[in-house]
Amino acid sequence: MGSSSEKKSAGWSKGLTAATDARVRRMALARLGQTNWAKGLTAATDLRVARQAATRRGKRRGRYRLVHRSTACGALPVTTERERAYAYVLGMYLGDGHIARVGRSYALRVYLDVRYPRIAERCAAAMAELNPFHRVRVRRRGTANVLVVSACGQCWLDLIPQHGPGRKHTRPIVLLDWQRGIVIREPLSFLRGLIESDGCRYVRHVDGHDYGAYDFVNRSEDILTLFGWACDLLGIGHTRPNECTMSIARRKNVARLDEEFGPKS
């Protein structure tokens, strides 16, 4: 049998590393008892390291995976003075927003028309009121006519539990009881968030006369139902001209929304 020095020379002293020699890798694992980046093991050369890296990113084998938090969310419960901001942000998210994984955290992003900067400012203020732990950013998306309002924070997972894999119209969108309670108390803010994110006010030309109207367009049947429910809470009549659109066209209802929302800017 060879001496211990001969065994040693078969390993690190010959310039072999865990990345290039299986025996060295096994020796490293035996010494450490677990995988370790500091000993030359990487996700590219060791399966267990790759699994650890995938778990840290919140993904394993390409599947969507949420990180379950062990601590209570500091943004919940939503206090009474923040319910108006919450209803507005919830409407914004359902209209044209999403929650994305960013490193070890998450970010709520809402996409708005660059022609209406005051809507972006209002959205940013509401997000900052809900999530005072992180800075809210408003930036233009490249050369597109889009303003992105975003803020990071694990709290978005608790504040907006409707997030999930895929597009919103491909999965159920159902409000929790506490969310429904807030919308019942603040239906106008919720409706405003929906319209300002994924709706519009326009002028109809009928028999030589001009009439104002509001449209909300969305591919999710559940979100369209929530829009109609908010209108019912306010006593505002609405119609369904096609499968993706809800319309508010009666003069008194349009006048009420005009008074509440003011000109879009």
C-alpha atoms as a PDB file:
ATOM      1  CA  MET A   1       0.000   0.000   0.000  1.00  0.00           C
ATOM      2  CA  GLY A   2       1.172   3.531  -0.689  1.00  0.00           C
ATOM      3  CA  SER A   3       2.009   5.964   2.006  1.00  0.00           C
ATOM      4  CA  SER A   4      -0.222   8.883   3.006  1.00  0.00           C
ATOM      5  CA  SER A   5       2.113  11.215   1.115  1.00  0.00           C
ATOM      6  CA  GLU A   6       1.550   9.184  -2.045  1.00  0.00           C
ATOM      7  CA  LYS A   7      -2.201   9.432  -1.544  1.00  0.00           C
ATOM      8  CA  LYS A   8      -1.903  13.148  -1.012  1.00  0.00           C
ATOM      9  CA  SER A   9       0.138  13.545  -4.183  1.00  0.00           C
ATOM     10  CA  ALA A  10      -2.757  12.009  -6.110  1.00  0.00           C
ATOM     11  CA  GLY A  11      -4.899  14.993  -5.238  1.00  0.00           C
ATOM     12  CA  TRP A  12      -4.470  18.724  -4.726  1.00  0.00           C
ATOM     13  CA  SER A  13      -0.631  18.644  -4.843  1.00  0.00           C
ATOM     14  CA  LYS A  14      -0.805  17.566  -8.500  1.00  0.00           C
ATOM     15  CA  GLY A  15      -2.834  20.596  -9.431  1.00  0.00           C
ATOM     16  CA  LEU A  16      -6.155  18.746  -9.571  1.00  0.00           C
ATOM     17  CA  THR A  17      -9.263  20.560  -8.307  1.00  0.00           C
ATOM     18  CA  ALA A  18     -12.829  19.605  -7.488  1.00  0.00           C
ATOM     19  CA  ALA A  19     -13.844  21.063 -10.808  1.00  0.00           C
ATOM     20  CA  THR A  20     -11.504  18.791 -12.805  1.00  0.00           C
ATOM     21  CA  ASP A  21     -11.161  15.546 -10.823  1.00  0.00           C
ATOM     22  CA  ALA A  22     -13.953  13.374  -9.427  1.00  0.00           C
ATOM     23  CA  ARG A  23     -11.759  11.946  -6.622  1.00  0.00           C
ATOM     24  CA  VAL A  24     -10.823  15.408  -5.426  1.00  0.00           C
ATOM     25  CA  ARG A  25     -14.486  16.365  -5.499  1.00  0.00           C
ATOM     26  CA  ARG A  26     -15.409  13.333  -3.383  1.00  0.00           C
ATOM     27  CA  MET A  27     -12.620  14.138  -0.924  1.00  0.00           C
ATOM     28  CA  ALA A  28     -13.885  17.696  -0.624  1.00  0.00           C
ATOM     29  CA  LEU A  29     -17.413  16.509   0.019  1.00  0.00           C
ATOM     30  CA  ALA A  30     -16.180  14.026   2.632  1.00  0.00           C
ATOM     31  CA  ARG A  31     -14.233  16.743   4.448  1.00  0.00           C
ATOM     32  CA  LEU A  32     -17.034  19.272   4.354  1.00  0.00           C
ATOM     33  CA  GLY A  33     -19.993  17.014   4.831  1.00  0.00           C
ATOM     34  CA  GLN A  34     -21.868  19.262   2.371  1.00  0.00           C
ATOM     35  CA  THR A  35     -21.328  21.204  -0.824  1.00  0.00           C
ATOM     36  CA  ASN A  36     -19.447  24.467  -0.528  1.00  0.00           C
ATOM     37  CA  TRP A  37     -18.693  27.135  -3.132  1.00  0.00           C
ATOM     38  CA  ALA A  38     -15.526  28.163  -1.276  1.00  0.00           C
ATOM     39  CA  LYS A  39     -13.849  24.807  -2.032  1.00  0.00           C
ATOM     40  CA  GLY A  40     -13.985  25.021  -5.792  1.00  0.00           C
ATOM     41  CA  LEU A  41     -17.407  23.434  -6.231  1.00  0.00           C
ATOM     42  CA  THR A  42     -19.767  25.263  -8.562  1.00  0.00           C
ATOM     43  CA  ALA A  43     -23.249  24.752  -9.979  1.00  0.00           C
ATOM     44  CA  ALA A  44     -21.609  23.808 -13.274  1.00  0.00           C
ATOM     45  CA  THR A  45     -19.517  20.985 -11.758  1.00  0.00           C
ATOM     46  CA  ASP A  46     -21.573  19.632  -8.866  1.00  0.00           C
ATOM     47  CA  LEU A  47     -25.213  18.554  -8.910  1.00  0.00           C
ATOM     48  CA  ARG A  48     -25.899  19.364  -5.271  1.00  0.00           C
ATOM     49  CA  VAL A  49     -24.497  22.877  -5.654  1.00  0.00           C
ATOM     50  CA  ALA A  50     -26.704  23.353  -8.707  1.00  0.00           C
ATOM     51  CA  ARG A  51     -29.740  22.290  -6.696  1.00  0.00           C
ATOM     52  CA  GLN A  52     -28.842  24.687  -3.895  1.00  0.00           C
ATOM     53  CA  ALA A  53     -28.464  27.539  -6.385  1.00  0.00           C
ATOM     54  CA  ALA A  54     -31.818  26.721  -7.971  1.00  0.00           C
ATOM     55  CA  THR A  55     -33.499  26.678  -4.555  1.00  0.00           C
ATOM     56  CA  ARG A  56     -32.009  30.063  -3.668  1.00  0.00           C
ATOM     57  CA  ARG A  57     -33.423  31.522  -6.884  1.00  0.00           C
ATOM     58  CA  GLY A  58     -36.852  30.176  -5.956  1.00  0.00           C
ATOM     59  CA  LYS A  59     -36.912  27.802  -8.928  1.00  0.00           C
ATOM     60  CA  ARG A  60     -36.261  24.098  -9.347  1.00  0.00           C
ATOM     61  CA  ARG A  61     -36.197  22.366 -12.713  1.00  0.00           C
ATOM     62  CA  GLY A  62     -37.861  25.348 -14.391  1.00  0.00           C
ATOM     63  CA  ARG A  63     -41.009  25.234 -12.287  1.00  0.00           C
ATOM     64  CA  TYR A  64     -42.609  28.270 -10.658  1.00  0.00           C
ATOM     65  CA  ARG A  65     -42.005  28.229  -6.927  1.00  0.00           C
ATOM     66  CA  LEU A  66     -42.838  30.747  -4.229  1.00  0.00           C
ATOM     67  CA  VAL A  67     -40.669  31.391  -1.215  1.00  0.00           C
ATOM     68  CA  HIS A  68     -42.747  30.960   1.926  1.00  0.00           C
ATOM     69  CA  ARG A  69     -41.947  33.614   4.482  1.00  0.00           C
ATOM     70  CA  SER A  70     -41.535  32.703   8.118  1.00  0.00           C
ATOM     71  CA  THR A  71     -42.039  36.230   9.449  1.00  0.00           C
ATOM     72  CA  ALA A  72     -45.237  38.255   9.584  1.00  0.00           C
ATOM     73  CA  CYS A  73     -45.779  40.920   6.923  1.00  0.00           C
ATOM     74  CA  GLY A  74     -45.256  44.421   8.295  1.00  0.00           C
ATOM     75  CA  ALA A  75     -47.731  45.860   5.761  1.00  0.00           C
ATOM     76  CA  LEU A  76     -50.634  43.734   7.022  1.00  0.00           C
ATOM     77  CA  PRO A  77     -53.268  44.185   8.177  1.00  0.00           C
ATOM     78  CA  VAL A  78     -54.138  47.162   5.966  1.00  0.00           C
ATOM     79  CA  THR A  79     -55.130  49.934   8.338  1.00  0.00           C
ATOM     80  CA  THR A  80     -58.228  52.064   7.798  1.00  0.00           C
ATOM     81  CA  GLU A  81     -56.265  55.106   6.664  1.00  0.00           C
ATOM     82  CA  ARG A  82     -54.507  53.020   3.994  1.00  0.00           C
ATOM     83  CA  GLU A  83     -57.579  51.269   2.578  1.00  0.00           C
ATOM     84  CA  ARG A  84     -58.129  53.873  -0.151  1.00  0.00           C
ATOM     85  CA  ALA A  85     -54.535  53.489  -1.366  1.00  0.00           C
ATOM     86  CA  TYR A  86     -54.834  49.719  -1.214  1.00  0.00           C
ATOM     87  CA  ALA A  87     -58.038  49.583  -3.272  1.00  0.00           C
ATOM     88  CA  TYR A  88     -56.428  51.834  -5.892  1.00  0.00           C
ATOM     89  CA  VAL A  89     -53.213  49.781  -6.125  1.00  0.00           C
ATOM     90  CA  LEU A  90     -55.194  46.539  -6.280  1.00  0.00           C
ATOM     91  CA  GLY A  91     -57.160  47.926  -9.230  1.00  0.00           C
ATOM     92  CA  MET A  92     -53.909  49.027 -10.869  1.00  0.00           C
ATOM     93  CA  TYR A  93     -52.409  45.559 -10.455  1.00  0.00           C
ATOM     94  CA  LEU A  94     -55.466  43.781 -11.849  1.00  0.00           C
ATOM     95  CA  GLY A  95     -55.628  46.188 -14.776  1.00  0.00           C
ATOM     96  CA  ASP A  96     -52.049  46.222 -16.046  1.00  0.00           C
ATOM     97  CA  GLY A  97     -49.614  45.135 -13.372  1.00  0.00           C
ATOM     98  CA  HIS A  98     -47.720  42.067 -12.259  1.00  0.00           C
ATOM     99  CA  ILE A  99     -45.423  40.815  -9.516  1.00  0.00           C
ATOM    100  CA  ALA A 100     -42.009  39.561 -10.627  1.00  0.00           C
ATOM    101  CA  ARG A 101     -39.160  37.805  -8.850  1.00  0.00           C
ATOM    102  CA  VAL A 102     -36.140  40.106  -8.427  1.00  0.00           C
ATOM    103  CA  GLY A 103     -33.145  38.408  -6.846  1.00  0.00           C
ATOM    104  CA  ARG A 104     -34.247  37.277  -3.401  1.00  0.00           C
ATOM    105  CA  SER A 105     -37.227  39.608  -3.323  1.00  0.00           C
ATOM    106  CA  TYR A 106     -40.242  40.515  -5.450  1.00  0.00           C
ATOM    107  CA  ALA A 107     -41.308  43.672  -7.280  1.00  0.00           C
ATOM    108  CA  LEU A 108     -44.756  45.019  -8.075  1.00  0.00           C
ATOM    109  CA  ARG A 109     -44.714  46.681 -11.501  1.00  0.00           C
ATOM    110  CA  VAL A 110     -47.527  48.678 -13.096  1.00  0.00           C
ATOM    111  CA  TYR A 111     -47.323  49.752 -16.746  1.00  0.00           C
ATOM    112  CA  LEU A 112     -48.898  53.096 -17.643  1.00  0.00           C
ATOM    113  CA  ASP A 113     -49.136  55.444 -20.612  1.00  0.00           C
ATOM    114  CA  VAL A 114     -46.304  57.983 -20.724  1.00  0.00           C
ATOM    115  CA  ARG A 115     -48.817  60.653 -21.820  1.00  0.00           C
ATOM    116  CA  TYR A 116     -50.356  60.682 -18.335  1.00  0.00           C
ATOM    117  CA  PRO A 117     -47.553  61.326 -15.824  1.00  0.00           C
ATOM    118  CA  ARG A 118     -49.938  62.395 -13.059  1.00  0.00           C
ATOM    119  CA  ILE A 119     -51.502  58.931 -13.054  1.00  0.00           C
ATOM    120  CA  ALA A 120     -48.017  57.467 -12.603  1.00  0.00           C
ATOM    121  CA  GLU A 121     -47.376  59.885  -9.744  1.00  0.00           C
ATOM    122  CA  ARG A 122     -50.674  58.930  -8.092  1.00  0.00           C
ATOM    123  CA  CYS A 123     -49.868  55.239  -8.456  1.00  0.00           C
ATOM    124  CA  ALA A 124     -46.373  55.752  -7.011  1.00  0.00           C
ATOM    125  CA  ALA A 125     -47.762  57.658  -4.024  1.00  0.00           C
ATOM    126  CA  ALA A 126     -50.289  54.909  -3.283  1.00  0.00           C
ATOM    127  CA  MET A 127     -47.624  52.192  -3.553  1.00  0.00           C
ATOM    128  CA  ALA A 128     -45.333  54.158  -1.225  1.00  0.00           C
ATOM    129  CA  GLU A 129     -48.145  54.484   1.304  1.00  0.00           C
ATOM    130  CA  LEU A 130     -48.733  50.738   1.268  1.00  0.00           C
ATOM    131  CA  ASN A 131     -45.080  49.737   1.238  1.00  0.00           C
ATOM    132  CA  PRO A 132     -43.015  52.379   3.064  1.00  0.00           C
ATOM    133  CA  PHE A 133     -40.102  49.951   3.435  1.00  0.00           C
ATOM    134  CA  HIS A 134     -38.828  50.315  -0.141  1.00  0.00           C
ATOM    135  CA  ARG A 135     -38.354  53.119  -2.652  1.00  0.00           C
ATOM    136  CA  VAL A 136     -40.876  53.457  -5.473  1.00  0.00           C
ATOM    137  CA  ARG A 137     -39.375  54.019  -8.919  1.00  0.00           C
ATOM    138  CA  VAL A 138     -41.003  55.640 -11.951  1.00  0.00           C
ATOM    139  CA  ARG A 139     -39.075  55.141 -15.170  1.00  0.00           C
ATOM    140  CA  ARG A 140     -39.674  55.063 -18.881  1.00  0.00           C
ATOM    141  CA  ARG A 141     -39.407  51.679 -20.554  1.00  0.00           C
ATOM    142  CA  GLY A 142     -36.762  52.195 -23.209  1.00  0.00           C
ATOM    143  CA  THR A 143     -38.104  54.162 -26.145  1.00  0.00           C
ATOM    144  CA  ALA A 144     -41.648  52.844 -25.704  1.00  0.00           C
ATOM    145  CA  ASN A 145     -44.454  55.154 -24.586  1.00  0.00           C
ATOM    146  CA  VAL A 146     -44.682  53.309 -21.277  1.00  0.00           C
ATOM    147  CA  LEU A 147     -44.003  54.421 -17.716  1.00  0.00           C
ATOM    148  CA  VAL A 148     -43.179  51.631 -15.271  1.00  0.00           C
ATOM    149  CA  VAL A 149     -44.046  52.250 -11.632  1.00  0.00           C
ATOM    150  CA  SER A 150     -42.329  49.659  -9.445  1.00  0.00           C
ATOM    151  CA  ALA A 151     -41.372  48.888  -5.860  1.00  0.00           C
ATOM    152  CA  CYS A 152     -39.647  45.854  -4.381  1.00  0.00           C
ATOM    153  CA  GLY A 153     -40.652  44.015  -1.239  1.00  0.00           C
ATOM    154  CA  GLN A 154     -41.678  40.601   0.036  1.00  0.00           C
ATOM    155  CA  CYS A 155     -44.814  42.286   1.389  1.00  0.00           C
ATOM    156  CA  TRP A 156     -46.404  42.303  -2.086  1.00  0.00           C
ATOM    157  CA  LEU A 157     -46.856  38.538  -1.798  1.00  0.00           C
ATOM    158  CA  ASP A 158     -49.140  39.109   1.182  1.00  0.00           C
ATOM    159  CA  LEU A 159     -50.798  42.313  -0.001  1.00  0.00           C
ATOM    160  CA  ILE A 160     -51.717  40.919  -3.425  1.00  0.00           C
ATOM    161  CA  PRO A 161     -52.135  37.140  -3.153  1.00  0.00           C
ATOM    162  CA  GLN A 162     -53.666  37.008  -6.667  1.00  0.00           C
ATOM    163  CA  HIS A 163     -50.189  36.772  -8.223  1.00  0.00           C
ATOM    164  CA  GLY A 164     -49.065  33.496  -9.741  1.00  0.00           C
ATOM    165  CA  PRO A 165     -47.531  31.853 -12.804  1.00  0.00           C
ATOM    166  CA  GLY A 166     -48.788  32.833 -16.228  1.00  0.00           C
ATOM    167  CA  ARG A 167     -51.015  35.645 -17.401  1.00  0.00           C
ATOM    168  CA  LYS A 168     -53.919  36.772 -15.259  1.00  0.00           C
ATOM    169  CA  HIS A 169     -56.545  35.760 -17.823  1.00  0.00           C
ATOM    170  CA  THR A 170     -55.264  32.151 -17.754  1.00  0.00           C
ATOM    171  CA  ARG A 171     -55.805  31.622 -14.015  1.00  0.00           C
ATOM    172  CA  PRO A 172     -58.577  32.321 -11.497  1.00  0.00           C
ATOM    173  CA  ILE A 173     -58.617  35.793  -9.943  1.00  0.00           C
ATOM    174  CA  VAL A 174     -60.580  35.675  -6.695  1.00  0.00           C
ATOM    175  CA  LEU A 175     -60.399  38.272  -3.910  1.00  0.00           C
ATOM    176  CA  LEU A 176     -59.975  37.114  -0.338  1.00  0.00           C
ATOM    177  CA  ASP A 177     -62.587  38.107   2.236  1.00  0.00           C
ATOM    178  CA  TRP A 178     -60.458  40.921   3.693  1.00  0.00           C
ATOM    179  CA  GLN A 179     -59.839  42.284   0.189  1.00  0.00           C
ATOM    180  CA  ARG A 180     -63.540  42.222  -0.639  1.00  0.00           C
ATOM    181  CA  GLY A 181     -64.209  44.135   2.562  1.00  0.00           C
ATOM    182  CA  ILE A 182     -61.804  46.880   1.525  1.00  0.00           C
ATOM    183  CA  VAL A 183     -63.317  47.135  -1.965  1.00  0.00           C
ATOM    184  CA  ILE A 184     -66.811  47.345  -0.477  1.00  0.00           C
ATOM    185  CA  ARG A 185     -65.653  50.294   1.629  1.00  0.00           C
ATOM    186  CA  GLU A 186     -63.598  51.895  -1.171  1.00  0.00           C
ATOM    187  CA  PRO A 187     -65.259  50.912  -4.470  1.00  0.00           C
ATOM    188  CA  LEU A 188     -64.499  54.217  -6.192  1.00  0.00           C
ATOM    189  CA  SER A 189     -60.736  53.915  -5.600  1.00  0.00           C
ATOM    190  CA  PHE A 190     -60.796  50.333  -6.840  1.00  0.00           C
ATOM    191  CA  LEU A 191     -62.731  51.323  -9.958  1.00  0.00           C
ATOM    192  CA  ARG A 192     -60.380  54.237 -10.565  1.00  0.00           C
ATOM    193  CA  GLY A 193     -57.359  51.937 -10.414  1.00  0.00           C
ATOM    194  CA  LEU A 194     -58.920  49.606 -12.970  1.00  0.00           C
ATOM    195  CA  ILE A 195     -59.864  52.394 -15.380  1.00  0.00           C
ATOM    196  CA  GLU A 196     -56.606  54.343 -15.099  1.00  0.00           C
ATOM    197  CA  SER A 197     -54.520  51.232 -15.733  1.00  0.00           C
ATOM    198  CA  ASP A 198     -56.481  49.322 -18.357  1.00  0.00           C
ATOM    199  CA  GLY A 199     -59.346  51.628 -19.334  1.00  0.00           C
ATOM    200  CA  CYS A 200     -60.007  54.900 -21.050  1.00  0.00           C
ATOM    201  CA  ARG A 201     -62.398  57.815 -21.411  1.00  0.00           C
ATOM    202  CA  TYR A 202     -63.391  58.698 -24.953  1.00  0.00           C
ATOM    203  CA  VAL A 203     -66.015  60.636 -26.899  1.00  0.00           C
ATOM    204  CA  ARG A 204     -68.733  58.910 -28.924  1.00  0.00           C
ATOM    205  CA  HIS A 205     -70.237  60.596 -31.958  1.00  0.00           C
ATOM    206  CA  VAL A 206     -73.945  59.787 -32.299  1.00  0.00           C
ATOM    207  CA  ASP A 207     -76.258  61.598 -34.731  1.00  0.00           C
ATOM    208  CA  GLY A 208     -74.029  64.647 -34.805  1.00  0.00           C
ATOM    209  CA  HIS A 209     -73.720  64.820 -31.009  1.00  0.00           C
ATOM    210  CA  ASP A 210     -70.748  64.041 -28.785  1.00  0.00           C
ATOM    211  CA  TYR A 211     -71.164  61.864 -25.717  1.00  0.00           C
ATOM    212  CA  GLY A 212     -68.507  60.879 -23.221  1.00  0.00           C
ATOM    213  CA  ALA A 213     -68.006  57.242 -22.206  1.00  0.00           C
ATOM    214  CA  TYR A 214     -65.664  55.015 -20.233  1.00  0.00           C
ATOM    215  CA  ASP A 215     -64.386  51.625 -21.406  1.00  0.00           C
ATOM    216  CA  PHE A 216     -62.470  48.962 -19.505  1.00  0.00           C
ATOM    217  CA  VAL A 217     -60.798  46.254 -21.581  1.00  0.00           C
ATOM    218  CA  ASN A 218     -59.407  43.052 -20.125  1.00  0.00           C
ATOM    219  CA  ARG A 219     -59.134  39.436 -21.235  1.00  0.00           C
ATOM    220  CA  SER A 220     -59.827  37.994 -17.761  1.00  0.00           C
ATOM    221  CA  GLU A 221     -63.461  37.110 -17.156  1.00  0.00           C
ATOM    222  CA  ASP A 222     -62.879  37.282 -13.389  1.00  0.00           C
ATOM    223  CA  ILE A 223     -61.434  40.809 -13.573  1.00  0.00           C
ATOM    224  CA  LEU A 224     -64.289  41.988 -15.795  1.00  0.00           C
ATOM    225  CA  THR A 225     -66.689  40.569 -13.212  1.00  0.00           C
ATOM    226  CA  LEU A 226     -64.892  42.507 -10.455  1.00  0.00           C
ATOM    227  CA  PHE A 227     -65.207  45.689 -12.536  1.00  0.00           C
ATOM    228  CA  GLY A 228     -68.959  45.140 -12.866  1.00  0.00           C
ATOM    229  CA  TRP A 229     -69.230  44.398  -9.147  1.00  0.00           C
ATOM    230  CA  ALA A 230     -67.496  47.681  -8.260  1.00  0.00           C
ATOM    231  CA  CYS A 231     -69.900  49.534 -10.585  1.00  0.00           C
ATOM    232  CA  ASP A 232     -72.858  47.856  -8.864  1.00  0.00           C
ATOM    233  CA  LEU A 233     -71.521  48.923  -5.460  1.00  0.00           C
ATOM    234  CA  LEU A 234     -71.523  52.526  -6.702  1.00  0.00           C
ATOM    235  CA  GLY A 235     -74.865  52.259  -8.470  1.00  0.00           C
ATOM    236  CA  ILE A 236     -73.228  52.893 -11.841  1.00  0.00           C
ATOM    237  CA  GLY A 237     -74.820  51.212 -14.847  1.00  0.00           C
ATOM    238  CA  HIS A 238     -72.563  49.319 -17.239  1.00  0.00           C
ATOM    239  CA  THR A 239     -72.861  47.209 -20.378  1.00  0.00           C
ATOM    240  CA  ARG A 240     -70.812  44.479 -22.059  1.00  0.00           C
ATOM    241  CA  PRO A 241     -70.431  45.426 -25.750  1.00  0.00           C
ATOM    242  CA  ASN A 242     -68.065  42.512 -26.409  1.00  0.00           C
ATOM    243  CA  GLU A 243     -66.383  39.687 -24.537  1.00  0.00           C
ATOM    244  CA  CYS A 244     -63.364  41.755 -23.453  1.00  0.00           C
ATOM    245  CA  THR A 245     -64.943  45.159 -22.765  1.00  0.00           C
ATOM    246  CA  MET A 246     -67.078  46.752 -20.056  1.00  0.00           C
ATOM    247  CA  SER A 247     -68.588  50.132 -20.955  1.00  0.00           C
ATOM    248  CA  ILE A 248     -70.071  53.000 -18.948  1.00  0.00           C
ATOM    249  CA  ALA A 249     -71.978  55.252 -21.337  1.00  0.00           C
ATOM    250  CA  ARG A 250     -75.092  56.666 -19.676  1.00  0.00           C
ATOM    251  CA  ARG A 251     -74.773  60.420 -19.300  1.00  0.00           C
ATOM    252  CA  LYS A 252     -75.372  60.631 -15.555  1.00  0.00           C
ATOM    253  CA  ASN A 253     -72.895  57.838 -14.820  1.00  0.00           C
ATOM    254  CA  VAL A 254     -70.215  59.393 -17.021  1.00  0.00           C
ATOM    255  CA  ALA A 255     -70.811  62.766 -15.380  1.00  0.00           C
ATOM    256  CA  ARG A 256     -70.359  61.208 -11.951  1.00  0.00           C
ATOM    257  CA  LEU A 257     -67.047  59.616 -12.876  1.00  0.00           C
ATOM    258  CA  ASP A 258     -65.901  62.841 -14.551  1.00  0.00           C
ATOM    259  CA  GLU A 259     -66.618  64.691 -11.321  1.00  0.00           C
ATOM    260  CA  GLU A 260     -64.770  62.144  -9.202  1.00  0.00           C
ATOM    261  CA  PHE A 261     -61.773  61.499 -11.464  1.00  0.00           C
ATOM    262  CA  GLY A 262     -61.316  64.808 -13.260  1.00  0.00           C
ATOM    263  CA  PRO A 263     -59.557  65.031 -16.635  1.00  0.00           C
ATOM    264  CA  LYS A 264     -57.060  62.278 -17.386  1.00  0.00           C
ATOM    265  CA  SER A 265     -53.543  63.660 -17.214  1.00  0.00           C
END
